[in-house]
C-alpha cells in the first residue's frame, strides 16, 4: 500500500460566516417534493448548504443569517435529482419561479438580472439538446451511408450554432461572472491552422495554441471561479492530459498557475491542497519529484501556511527528506550489509541478543575494526546493472515474487551484466538462511544484523518487496518495480547506453 501523509483538505471560506445573510425564494409549479436541498460547487465536490423541509404548493424558502460564498449553487430534490444551477453573486436575496413540467424553459428570476441571463443561456442549450435528441428519429428510411452523413451534417450545424451563440453571449456579458462562468467550459482551439510541410494541418501549431490559450480568461484571483462545475475539471485535464508528463515540466506549470493566485485565498489553498497529495500519491514512477519540488517551495518556506497546520507541515518536510535521495537519477545511498557467511561472526559479537539501541551502538564501537572487513557494500557491486530488492521471508507477496525474480535473473544474466543485491529486511537469521539455501537464491544475499543502515528511512521501505534498478554508477534508473518489469527496463536502458556510445 502506498504510504501517504496528505489528503485533500476542505476549507471553509471566512466569508461564509460574515454578516449579510441570504433569502432565496423559489416557486416551482407542479413540484411534488417535500424536501429540497440548497447545494454549492466547491472544487470537485458539491456540498449541501441549507435544507427546506416544509414545501407547500412548490414554495421553497431558503433563508439564513450567514452570508453565502459567491459562486454557482443548485437545488437538489429529496431523491438527489438536480433541478437547475443559479448564481449567488451580486445578491443572495432574490426569487425564482418555474414549472416542473418544463423546468428550464420556464425559469425566471426576480431581482437578479445575472440569473435571468444565465437562464437564457440554459434555455438555448436545452433546446439544442432537444434538437439533437430528435435527430436519430429523422434518419428512418435512409440508407446507412445517408444516415451517417445526415447525422454528421446536422451535428456540425448544431455545434456551429452553439459555438456562435456562446461567443456572442460571452461578448455581450464581458467583465461579468456570467462570462467568466461560460469561459471555463469553452475550448480555446485555433480557428485557422497553417499547413505543415506534408500539406496537412500543422498538429504542433494546433497543440501549442490550445495549450497556450487553455486558461485564457480564467481569473485565478477570483474565488467564485473555484465554485463552479467546470474549474476543477479544467485544471485536472490540463495537468493530466495537456502538458508533457515530465516531473520538471509539471512543477514549472504548477508554479505558473500558483503565481496567478493570491496567497491565502480559497483558490490558492484548494489548488495547493490538490497538487501536493496528488503527486505524493501518484502511481507514475518519478512523479514524487513533483511532490518534493512543491513541498520544498511552498511548505518548507511557509507559503502553504493556512493549508496545513504546523505538525502536518513538519511531517511533509520529514517525508521529502526521505524521498530526495531516492529520486530518479540520484545516486542511491550506500548500504553496509552482512552476508550469510559473516552473519555467524557478527552474531557471536552479541548483536543478535542486544536488547536496546544503546547496547547495539556500544557493540558496534567495541567491534568496529573487526566489522569493517565483514561488510558487503552496495557500491562494491561491480555490474552494469544492479537490481536492489528488499524483501522478507514471511511476506506473502515476497514468497510469490522472489522465486519469479530468480527465474528472471537467470534469463537476464545470459545477455546482460546484471546482479541482484538482495536485502533481507528482518533479523531472523536461521529462517532467512534456510530459505536462501532451499530456494538456491544465487543473489548477493545480505541483511543488517548490526542495525547500521536504517533501511526504513534510507530506502523508504514501508512494505515489501521493493525493487530498485541501478546503473553501474549506482544511479537510480527505476524504482518500485514489479519483477516482470525488470527485463524491459534493462533492455531500454542498455539500448540507450549503446545509442550514446
Protein backbone atom coordinates (compact mmCIF):
# COMPACT_ATOMS: atom_id res chain seq x y z
CA UNK A 1 0.00 0.00 0.00
CA UNK A 2 1.31 3.45 -0.92
CA UNK A 3 2.42 5.48 2.08
CA UNK A 4 0.78 8.92 2.14
CA UNK A 5 0.63 11.75 4.62
CA UNK A 6 -1.69 14.11 2.79
CA UNK A 7 -5.32 14.22 1.79
CA UNK A 8 -7.32 16.90 0.01
CA UNK A 9 -8.45 19.33 2.67
CA UNK A 10 -11.79 21.14 2.57
CA UNK A 11 -11.56 24.77 3.59
CA UNK A 12 -14.48 26.87 4.78
CA UNK A 13 -14.21 30.39 3.48
CA UNK A 14 -14.11 33.13 6.08
CA UNK A 15 -16.86 34.89 4.12
CA UNK A 16 -19.23 32.03 4.93
CA UNK A 17 -19.68 33.35 8.46
CA UNK A 18 -19.80 37.08 7.78
CA UNK A 19 -22.90 39.20 8.17
CA UNK A 20 -25.49 39.83 5.47
CA UNK A 21 -27.40 36.62 5.19
CA UNK A 22 -29.42 35.16 2.33
CA UNK A 23 -33.07 34.95 1.40
CA UNK A 24 -33.83 32.81 -1.65
CA UNK A 25 -37.44 32.09 -2.51
CA UNK A 26 -38.28 29.55 -5.21
CA UNK A 27 -41.74 28.67 -6.51
CA UNK A 28 -41.97 25.62 -8.77
CA UNK A 29 -45.43 24.74 -10.03
CA UNK A 30 -46.34 21.04 -10.04
CA UNK A 31 -43.48 20.29 -7.61
CA UNK A 32 -44.29 17.17 -5.58
CA UNK A 33 -41.15 17.11 -3.46
CA UNK A 34 -41.48 17.83 0.23
CA UNK A 35 -37.76 18.38 0.90
CA UNK A 36 -35.27 20.32 -1.23
CA UNK A 37 -31.57 21.00 -0.61
CA UNK A 38 -29.53 24.08 -1.47
CA UNK A 39 -26.06 22.97 -2.57
CA UNK A 40 -22.92 24.57 -3.95
CA UNK A 41 -19.97 23.54 -6.08
CA UNK A 42 -16.52 23.77 -4.49
CA UNK A 43 -13.58 22.47 -6.49
CA UNK A 44 -14.58 18.91 -7.50
CA UNK A 45 -17.18 18.36 -4.77
CA UNK A 46 -20.72 19.50 -4.03
CA UNK A 47 -21.81 20.49 -0.54
CA UNK A 48 -25.26 20.94 1.00
CA UNK A 49 -25.60 24.44 2.39
CA UNK A 50 -29.22 24.51 3.57
CA UNK A 51 -32.41 22.44 3.56
CA UNK A 52 -36.04 23.37 3.09
CA UNK A 53 -38.14 20.74 4.86
CA UNK A 54 -41.54 22.35 4.55
CA UNK A 55 -42.52 22.72 0.90
CA UNK A 56 -46.15 23.65 0.21
CA UNK A 57 -47.53 24.22 -3.28
CA UNK A 58 -44.00 24.28 -4.68
CA UNK A 59 -42.86 27.14 -2.43
CA UNK A 60 -39.26 26.68 -1.32
CA UNK A 61 -37.79 29.14 1.17
CA UNK A 62 -34.06 29.14 1.95
CA UNK A 63 -33.08 31.76 4.48
CA UNK A 64 -30.13 32.28 6.80
CA UNK A 65 -28.16 34.93 8.68
CA UNK A 66 -24.78 33.89 7.32
CA UNK A 67 -23.55 35.27 4.03
CA UNK A 68 -23.13 32.62 1.33
CA UNK A 69 -19.88 32.21 -0.55
CA UNK A 70 -20.26 33.69 -4.00
CA UNK A 71 -20.41 31.18 -6.83
CA UNK A 72 -22.67 28.63 -8.51
CA UNK A 73 -25.41 26.93 -6.48
CA UNK A 74 -28.14 24.45 -7.35
CA UNK A 75 -31.27 22.87 -5.91
CA UNK A 76 -31.48 19.13 -5.29
CA UNK A 77 -34.59 17.09 -4.68
CA UNK A 78 -35.06 14.63 -1.83
CA UNK A 79 -34.26 11.90 -4.39
CA UNK A 80 -30.92 13.61 -5.19
CA UNK A 81 -32.13 14.88 -8.58
CA UNK A 82 -30.66 18.25 -9.54
CA UNK A 83 -33.15 20.93 -10.60
CA UNK A 84 -31.01 23.73 -12.05
CA UNK A 85 -27.94 25.90 -11.43
CA UNK A 86 -28.06 29.56 -10.45
CA UNK A 87 -25.69 32.25 -9.17
CA UNK A 88 -25.26 33.68 -5.74
CA UNK A 89 -23.18 36.70 -6.56
CA UNK A 90 -24.41 40.27 -6.74
CA UNK A 91 -27.19 39.41 -4.33
CA UNK A 92 -28.22 36.50 -2.15
CA UNK A 93 -31.77 37.78 -1.88
CA UNK A 94 -33.96 37.00 -4.89
CA UNK A 95 -36.90 34.91 -6.10
CA UNK A 96 -37.04 32.26 -8.82
CA UNK A 97 -40.13 30.82 -10.48
CA UNK A 98 -40.56 27.81 -12.77
CA UNK A 99 -42.80 24.89 -13.68
CA UNK A 100 -41.76 21.28 -13.12
CA UNK A 101 -43.37 20.32 -16.46
CA UNK A 102 -40.85 22.47 -18.36
CA UNK A 103 -38.33 23.27 -15.66
CA UNK A 104 -35.57 25.09 -17.55
CA UNK A 105 -37.76 26.62 -20.24
CA UNK A 106 -39.94 28.39 -17.67
CA UNK A 107 -37.15 29.64 -15.36
CA UNK A 108 -37.41 33.29 -14.33
CA UNK A 109 -35.67 35.25 -11.63
CA UNK A 110 -36.84 38.39 -9.86
CA UNK A 111 -34.23 40.84 -8.55
CA UNK A 112 -31.28 39.18 -10.34
CA UNK A 113 -30.55 40.12 -13.94
CA UNK A 114 -27.48 37.89 -13.78
CA UNK A 115 -29.57 34.80 -13.10
CA UNK A 116 -32.04 35.71 -15.84
CA UNK A 117 -29.10 35.99 -18.23
CA UNK A 118 -27.77 32.54 -17.35
CA UNK A 119 -31.30 31.10 -17.55
CA UNK A 120 -31.50 32.43 -21.12
CA UNK A 121 -28.31 30.56 -21.93
CA UNK A 122 -29.61 27.39 -20.28
CA UNK A 123 -32.86 27.57 -22.28
CA UNK A 124 -30.91 27.83 -25.52
CA UNK A 125 -28.79 24.78 -24.67
CA UNK A 126 -31.88 22.82 -23.61
CA UNK A 127 -33.49 23.50 -26.99
CA UNK A 128 -30.35 22.45 -28.86
CA UNK A 129 -30.08 19.27 -26.82
CA UNK A 130 -33.71 18.54 -27.65
CA UNK A 131 -32.98 19.04 -31.35
CA UNK A 132 -30.02 16.71 -31.07
CA UNK A 133 -32.14 14.06 -29.36
CA UNK A 134 -34.66 14.19 -32.18
CA UNK A 135 -32.07 13.74 -34.96
CA UNK A 136 -31.95 9.95 -34.79
CA UNK A 137 -35.66 9.70 -35.49
CA UNK A 138 -35.25 11.70 -38.68
CA UNK A 139 -32.94 9.09 -40.22
CA UNK A 140 -35.64 6.45 -40.59
CA UNK A 141 -35.86 5.20 -44.16
CA UNK A 142 -32.35 6.40 -45.03
CA UNK A 143 -29.51 4.10 -46.02
CA UNK A 144 -26.68 3.63 -43.53
CA UNK A 145 -24.38 5.92 -45.53
CA UNK A 146 -27.04 8.61 -45.87
CA UNK A 147 -27.93 8.28 -42.20
CA UNK A 148 -24.30 8.78 -41.13
CA UNK A 149 -23.94 11.78 -43.45
CA UNK A 150 -27.20 13.32 -42.22
CA UNK A 151 -26.19 12.96 -38.57
CA UNK A 152 -22.70 14.34 -39.22
CA UNK A 153 -24.01 17.35 -41.13
CA UNK A 154 -26.70 18.18 -38.57
CA UNK A 155 -24.32 17.76 -35.62
CA UNK A 156 -21.82 20.03 -37.33
CA UNK A 157 -24.55 22.62 -37.85
CA UNK A 158 -25.78 22.35 -34.26
CA UNK A 159 -22.25 22.65 -32.88
CA UNK A 160 -21.63 25.71 -35.01
CA UNK A 161 -24.87 27.30 -33.80
CA UNK A 162 -23.94 26.63 -30.16
CA UNK A 163 -20.41 27.98 -30.62
CA UNK A 164 -21.69 31.15 -32.31
CA UNK A 165 -24.33 31.68 -29.63
CA UNK A 166 -21.82 31.15 -26.82
CA UNK A 167 -19.26 33.51 -28.38
CA UNK A 168 -21.87 36.25 -28.88
CA UNK A 169 -23.30 35.64 -25.40
CA UNK A 170 -19.90 35.93 -23.72
CA UNK A 171 -19.08 39.03 -25.76
CA UNK A 172 -22.34 40.65 -24.65
CA UNK A 173 -21.56 39.92 -20.99
CA UNK A 174 -17.87 40.80 -20.80
CA UNK A 175 -16.45 41.64 -17.36
CA UNK A 176 -19.23 39.74 -15.58
CA UNK A 177 -19.25 36.48 -13.66
CA UNK A 178 -21.61 35.12 -16.30
CA UNK A 179 -18.88 35.49 -18.93
CA UNK A 180 -16.25 34.02 -16.58
CA UNK A 181 -18.53 31.05 -15.87
CA UNK A 182 -19.09 30.27 -19.57
CA UNK A 183 -15.44 30.88 -20.41
CA UNK A 184 -14.49 27.93 -18.19
CA UNK A 185 -16.43 25.50 -20.39
CA UNK A 186 -15.30 26.97 -23.70
CA UNK A 187 -12.47 25.24 -25.56
CA UNK A 188 -9.87 27.63 -26.98
CA UNK A 189 -8.99 25.98 -30.29
CA UNK A 190 -7.21 27.64 -33.19
CA UNK A 191 -9.63 28.57 -35.96
CA UNK A 192 -7.00 28.87 -38.67
CA UNK A 193 -4.32 26.19 -38.62
CA UNK A 194 -1.40 26.55 -41.08
CA UNK A 195 -0.25 23.65 -43.20
CA UNK A 196 2.76 21.58 -42.22
CA UNK A 197 5.42 20.52 -44.75
CA UNK A 198 3.41 17.38 -45.55
CA UNK A 199 0.46 19.52 -46.63
CA UNK A 200 -1.70 18.54 -43.66
CA UNK A 201 -2.86 20.85 -40.86
CA UNK A 202 0.06 21.56 -38.52
CA UNK A 203 -0.79 19.49 -35.43
CA UNK A 204 2.09 21.03 -33.44
CA UNK A 205 0.72 24.52 -34.05
CA UNK A 206 -2.78 23.37 -33.05
CA UNK A 207 -1.47 21.79 -29.84
CA UNK A 208 0.66 24.78 -28.84
CA UNK A 209 -2.22 27.16 -29.49
CA UNK A 210 -4.59 25.02 -27.43
CA UNK A 211 -2.09 24.71 -24.56
CA UNK A 212 -1.17 28.40 -24.57
CA UNK A 213 -4.79 29.54 -24.54
CA UNK A 214 -6.14 26.81 -22.24
CA UNK A 215 -6.55 29.11 -19.24
CA UNK A 216 -7.21 32.25 -21.25
CA UNK A 217 -9.69 34.47 -19.44
CA UNK A 218 -9.64 32.37 -16.25
CA UNK A 219 -9.28 34.67 -13.27
CA UNK A 220 -7.33 32.74 -10.63
CA UNK A 221 -7.68 35.67 -8.24
CA UNK A 222 -11.46 35.22 -8.12
CA UNK A 223 -12.64 32.60 -5.61
CA UNK A 224 -16.00 32.43 -7.38
CA UNK A 225 -14.29 30.51 -10.20
CA UNK A 226 -13.45 27.79 -7.67
CA UNK A 227 -17.17 27.36 -7.01
CA UNK A 228 -18.25 26.34 -10.50
CA UNK A 229 -18.82 22.88 -12.01
CA UNK A 230 -16.10 23.37 -14.64
CA UNK A 231 -12.97 24.72 -12.95
CA UNK A 232 -11.64 21.57 -11.25
CA UNK A 233 -12.09 19.51 -14.40
CA UNK A 234 -10.22 22.11 -16.45
CA UNK A 235 -7.27 22.16 -14.07
CA UNK A 236 -7.09 18.36 -13.83
CA UNK A 237 -7.34 17.94 -17.59
CA UNK A 238 -4.52 20.42 -18.16
CA UNK A 239 -2.13 18.69 -15.79
CA UNK A 240 -3.13 15.12 -16.69
CA UNK A 241 -3.56 15.32 -20.46
CA UNK A 242 -2.46 18.62 -21.99
CA UNK A 243 1.07 19.26 -20.78
CA UNK A 244 4.02 16.92 -21.28
CA UNK A 245 4.18 14.42 -18.44
CA UNK A 246 7.67 15.16 -17.18
CA UNK A 247 8.16 16.00 -13.48
CA UNK A 248 10.11 19.22 -14.07
CA UNK A 249 7.57 20.40 -16.65
CA UNK A 250 4.68 19.67 -14.28
CA UNK A 251 6.44 21.50 -11.43
CA UNK A 252 7.04 24.56 -13.61
CA UNK A 253 3.42 24.59 -14.78
CA UNK A 254 2.13 24.35 -11.20
CA UNK A 255 4.34 27.31 -10.25
CA UNK A 256 2.94 29.24 -13.21
CA UNK A 257 -0.65 28.57 -12.11
CA UNK A 258 0.06 29.31 -8.44
CA UNK A 259 1.63 32.63 -9.44
CA UNK A 260 -1.76 33.65 -10.87
CA UNK A 261 -3.39 33.20 -7.43
CA UNK A 262 -3.40 35.48 -4.41
CA UNK A 263 -1.73 33.73 -1.42
CA UNK A 264 -4.14 32.99 1.40
CA UNK A 265 -7.28 32.91 -0.74
CA UNK A 266 -9.52 29.86 -1.07
CA UNK A 267 -8.32 29.44 -4.66
CA UNK A 268 -4.68 29.34 -3.53
CA UNK A 269 -5.40 26.92 -0.68
CA UNK A 270 -7.52 24.49 -2.69
CA UNK A 271 -5.01 24.30 -5.55
CA UNK A 272 -2.11 23.57 -3.19
CA UNK A 273 -4.24 21.09 -1.27
CA UNK A 274 -4.96 19.34 -4.57
CA UNK A 275 -1.47 19.34 -6.10
CA UNK A 276 0.51 18.18 -3.05
CA UNK A 277 -1.36 14.92 -2.29
CA UNK A 278 -1.97 14.23 -5.99
CA UNK A 279 1.74 13.97 -6.71
CA UNK A 280 2.65 12.42 -3.37
CA UNK A 281 0.23 9.59 -4.14
CA UNK A 282 0.95 9.37 -7.88
CA UNK A 283 1.46 5.85 -9.19
CA UNK A 284 3.61 7.12 -12.05
CA UNK A 285 7.28 6.44 -11.44
CA UNK A 286 9.28 9.60 -10.82
CA UNK A 287 6.33 11.88 -10.11
CA UNK A 288 7.31 12.01 -6.44
CA UNK A 289 9.79 14.63 -7.65
CA UNK A 290 6.85 16.98 -8.24
CA UNK A 291 5.74 16.46 -4.65
CA UNK A 292 9.28 17.13 -3.39
CA UNK A 293 9.55 20.30 -5.51
CA UNK A 294 6.17 21.56 -4.29
CA UNK A 295 6.87 20.82 -0.63
CA UNK A 296 10.28 22.50 -0.85
CA UNK A 297 8.87 25.64 -2.45
CA UNK A 298 5.57 26.05 -0.61
CA UNK A 299 5.61 24.05 2.63
CA UNK A 300 9.21 24.48 3.77
CA UNK A 301 9.08 28.24 3.09
CA UNK A 302 5.76 28.78 4.87
CA UNK A 303 3.87 29.66 1.68
CA UNK A 304 1.41 26.86 2.47
CA UNK A 305 0.51 28.30 5.86
CA UNK A 306 -3.24 28.02 6.28
CA UNK A 307 -3.31 24.95 4.07
CA UNK A 308 -1.68 22.61 6.60
CA UNK A 309 -1.12 23.02 10.31
CA UNK A 310 2.42 23.14 11.73
CA UNK A 311 2.51 19.43 12.62
CA UNK A 312 1.41 18.33 9.15
CA UNK A 313 3.90 20.74 7.56
CA UNK A 314 6.64 19.23 9.73
CA UNK A 315 5.66 15.71 8.62
CA UNK A 316 5.69 16.77 4.96
CA UNK A 317 9.21 18.16 5.31
CA UNK A 318 10.37 14.94 7.00
CA UNK A 319 8.81 12.97 4.16
CA UNK A 320 10.59 14.87 1.40
CA UNK A 321 13.91 14.50 3.23
CA UNK A 322 13.44 10.74 2.88
CA UNK A 323 12.38 10.96 -0.78
CA UNK A 324 15.03 13.40 -2.03
CA UNK A 325 17.96 10.95 -2.10
CA UNK A 326 15.70 8.37 -3.80
CA UNK A 327 14.53 10.45 -6.76
CA UNK A 328 15.22 9.06 -10.22
CA UNK A 329 18.73 9.87 -11.49
CA UNK A 330 20.01 10.32 -7.92
CA UNK A 331 22.91 8.20 -6.68
CA UNK A 332 21.50 5.52 -4.42
CA UNK A 333 22.55 5.65 -0.76
CA UNK A 334 25.22 3.07 0.02
CA UNK A 335 24.47 0.08 2.21
CA UNK A 336 26.83 -1.69 4.61
CA UNK A 337 25.44 -5.21 4.98
CA UNK A 338 26.41 -8.66 6.21
CA UNK A 339 26.14 -11.83 4.14
CA UNK A 340 25.10 -15.32 5.28
CA UNK A 341 28.69 -16.40 5.96
CA UNK A 342 29.81 -13.41 8.03
CA UNK A 343 26.48 -13.28 9.88
CA UNK A 344 27.65 -16.03 12.24
CA UNK A 345 30.72 -13.99 13.17
CA UNK A 346 28.64 -10.89 13.80
CA UNK A 347 26.11 -12.77 15.92
CA UNK A 348 28.91 -14.08 18.13
CA UNK A 349 29.71 -10.44 18.91
CA UNK A 350 26.29 -10.27 20.59
CA UNK A 351 24.30 -8.24 18.08
CA UNK A 352 21.56 -10.87 17.86
CA UNK A 353 20.85 -10.68 21.59
CA UNK A 354 21.27 -6.91 22.16
CA UNK A 355 18.22 -5.52 23.96
CA UNK A 356 18.41 -1.82 23.09
CA UNK A 357 19.75 0.66 20.57
CA UNK A 358 22.24 1.78 23.21
CA UNK A 359 23.51 -1.78 23.50
CA UNK A 360 23.82 -2.13 19.73
CA UNK A 361 25.72 1.16 19.50
CA UNK A 362 28.18 0.06 22.18
CA UNK A 363 28.70 -3.29 20.45
CA UNK A 364 29.36 -1.51 17.16
CA UNK A 365 32.07 0.75 18.51
CA UNK A 366 33.61 -2.06 20.55
CA UNK A 367 33.89 -4.18 17.38
CA UNK A 368 34.32 -1.50 14.68
CA UNK A 369 37.71 -2.73 13.44
CA UNK A 370 36.50 -6.34 13.23
CA UNK A 371 33.27 -5.36 11.49
CA UNK A 372 34.73 -3.22 8.71
CA UNK A 373 36.19 -6.08 6.62
CA UNK A 374 32.99 -8.10 7.06
CA UNK A 375 30.69 -5.61 5.34
CA UNK A 376 29.33 -6.20 1.85
CA UNK A 377 28.58 -2.80 0.35
CA UNK A 378 26.16 -1.83 -2.41
CA UNK A 379 28.84 0.33 -4.02
CA UNK A 380 31.15 -2.67 -4.03
CA UNK A 381 28.93 -4.49 -6.56
CA UNK A 382 30.57 -4.42 -9.99
CA UNK A 383 27.90 -4.73 -12.67
CA UNK A 384 26.39 -2.65 -15.44
CA UNK A 385 23.01 -3.10 -13.77
CA UNK A 386 22.21 -3.81 -10.13
CA UNK A 387 18.74 -4.92 -9.10
CA UNK A 388 18.32 -3.86 -5.47
CA UNK A 389 15.49 -5.78 -3.82
CA UNK A 390 14.20 -5.51 -0.24
CA UNK A 391 12.15 -8.47 0.95
CA UNK A 392 11.07 -10.57 3.93
CA UNK A 393 10.87 -14.35 4.28
CA UNK A 394 7.45 -14.11 5.95
CA UNK A 395 5.97 -11.68 3.41
CA UNK A 396 3.27 -13.45 1.38
CA UNK A 397 3.83 -11.32 -1.71
CA UNK A 398 7.60 -11.89 -1.45
CA UNK A 399 7.07 -15.66 -1.43
CA UNK A 400 5.45 -15.27 -4.84
CA UNK A 401 7.77 -12.65 -6.32
CA UNK A 402 11.23 -13.76 -5.16
CA UNK A 403 11.13 -17.15 -6.99
CA UNK A 404 9.95 -15.32 -10.12
CA UNK A 405 12.75 -12.80 -9.70
CA UNK A 406 15.21 -15.70 -9.53
CA UNK A 407 13.97 -17.02 -12.87
CA UNK A 408 14.09 -13.55 -14.39
CA UNK A 409 17.64 -13.08 -13.13
CA UNK A 410 18.85 -16.35 -14.67
CA UNK A 411 17.44 -15.29 -18.04
CA UNK A 412 18.80 -11.75 -17.83
CA UNK A 413 22.37 -12.67 -16.99
CA UNK A 414 22.62 -14.67 -20.21
CA UNK A 415 22.56 -11.37 -22.09
CA UNK A 416 23.31 -8.57 -19.65
CA UNK A 417 25.85 -7.76 -16.95
CA UNK A 418 23.41 -7.73 -14.04
CA UNK A 419 23.49 -8.69 -10.36
CA UNK A 420 20.85 -8.89 -7.64
CA UNK A 421 21.62 -7.19 -4.31
CA UNK A 422 19.05 -8.97 -2.17
CA UNK A 423 18.35 -7.33 1.20
CA UNK A 424 16.51 -9.30 3.87
CA UNK A 425 14.75 -6.63 5.95
CA UNK A 426 14.27 -8.60 9.20
CA UNK A 427 16.60 -10.23 11.74
CA UNK A 428 15.67 -13.93 11.90
CA UNK A 429 18.94 -15.24 10.53
CA UNK A 430 18.28 -19.01 10.66
CA UNK A 431 14.90 -18.71 8.92
CA UNK A 432 16.37 -16.43 6.23
CA UNK A 433 19.46 -18.60 5.64
CA UNK A 434 17.30 -21.72 5.34
CA UNK A 435 15.11 -20.03 2.70
CA UNK A 436 18.16 -18.87 0.73
CA UNK A 437 19.65 -22.38 0.70
CA UNK A 438 16.42 -24.26 -0.04
CA UNK A 439 15.46 -21.94 -2.89
CA UNK A 440 19.03 -21.72 -4.23
CA UNK A 441 18.98 -17.93 -4.29
CA UNK A 442 22.24 -17.14 -6.05
CA UNK A 443 21.82 -13.43 -5.41
CA UNK A 444 24.10 -11.31 -3.27
CA UNK A 445 22.17 -12.23 -0.13
CA UNK A 446 22.68 -9.82 2.76
CA UNK A 447 20.98 -8.34 5.82
CA UNK A 448 21.70 -5.83 8.59
CA UNK A 449 22.31 -7.52 11.96
CA UNK A 450 24.44 -4.52 13.00
CA UNK A 451 21.44 -2.18 12.65
CA UNK A 452 23.58 0.42 10.92
CA UNK A 453 21.54 1.23 7.83
CA UNK A 454 18.06 2.32 8.96
CA UNK A 455 16.53 0.72 5.85
CA UNK A 456 13.03 2.01 6.52
CA UNK A 457 14.04 5.63 6.04
CA UNK A 458 17.11 5.25 3.84
CA UNK A 459 15.14 3.43 1.13
CA UNK A 460 11.58 4.28 2.14
CA UNK A 461 10.71 0.66 2.97
CA UNK A 462 7.20 0.54 4.39
CA UNK A 463 6.17 -2.70 2.68
CA UNK A 464 7.90 -5.50 0.79
CA UNK A 465 9.05 -6.40 -1.76
CA UNK A 466 10.57 -3.14 -3.03
CA UNK A 467 12.74 -3.21 -6.15
CA UNK A 468 15.14 -0.54 -7.45
CA UNK A 469 17.16 -0.68 -10.67
CA UNK A 470 20.61 0.94 -10.56
CA UNK A 471 23.21 1.50 -13.27
CA UNK A 472 26.94 0.81 -12.97
CA UNK A 473 27.44 4.05 -11.02
CA UNK A 474 24.55 3.17 -8.70
CA UNK A 475 22.33 5.86 -10.18
CA UNK A 476 18.64 5.11 -9.63
CA UNK A 477 17.16 4.43 -13.09
CA UNK A 478 13.84 2.93 -11.96
CA UNK A 479 12.17 2.15 -8.65
CA UNK A 480 9.29 0.33 -7.01
CA UNK A 481 9.23 -2.06 -9.93
CA UNK A 482 7.32 -5.30 -10.27
CA UNK A 483 9.77 -8.08 -11.07
CA UNK A 484 8.21 -8.61 -14.51
CA UNK A 485 9.10 -5.02 -15.45
CA UNK A 486 12.81 -5.51 -14.91
CA UNK A 487 13.71 -7.12 -18.29
CA UNK A 488 12.08 -4.33 -20.31
CA UNK A 489 13.71 -1.67 -18.16
CA UNK A 490 17.17 -3.18 -18.52
CA UNK A 491 16.66 -3.64 -22.26
CA UNK A 492 15.62 0.02 -22.62
CA UNK A 493 18.49 1.47 -20.59
CA UNK A 494 21.01 -0.82 -22.24
CA UNK A 495 19.83 0.36 -25.68
CA UNK A 496 20.04 3.99 -24.56
CA UNK A 497 23.57 3.44 -23.36
CA UNK A 498 24.58 1.91 -26.69
CA UNK A 499 22.97 4.80 -28.58
CA UNK A 500 25.04 7.30 -26.57
CA UNK A 501 28.21 5.43 -27.46
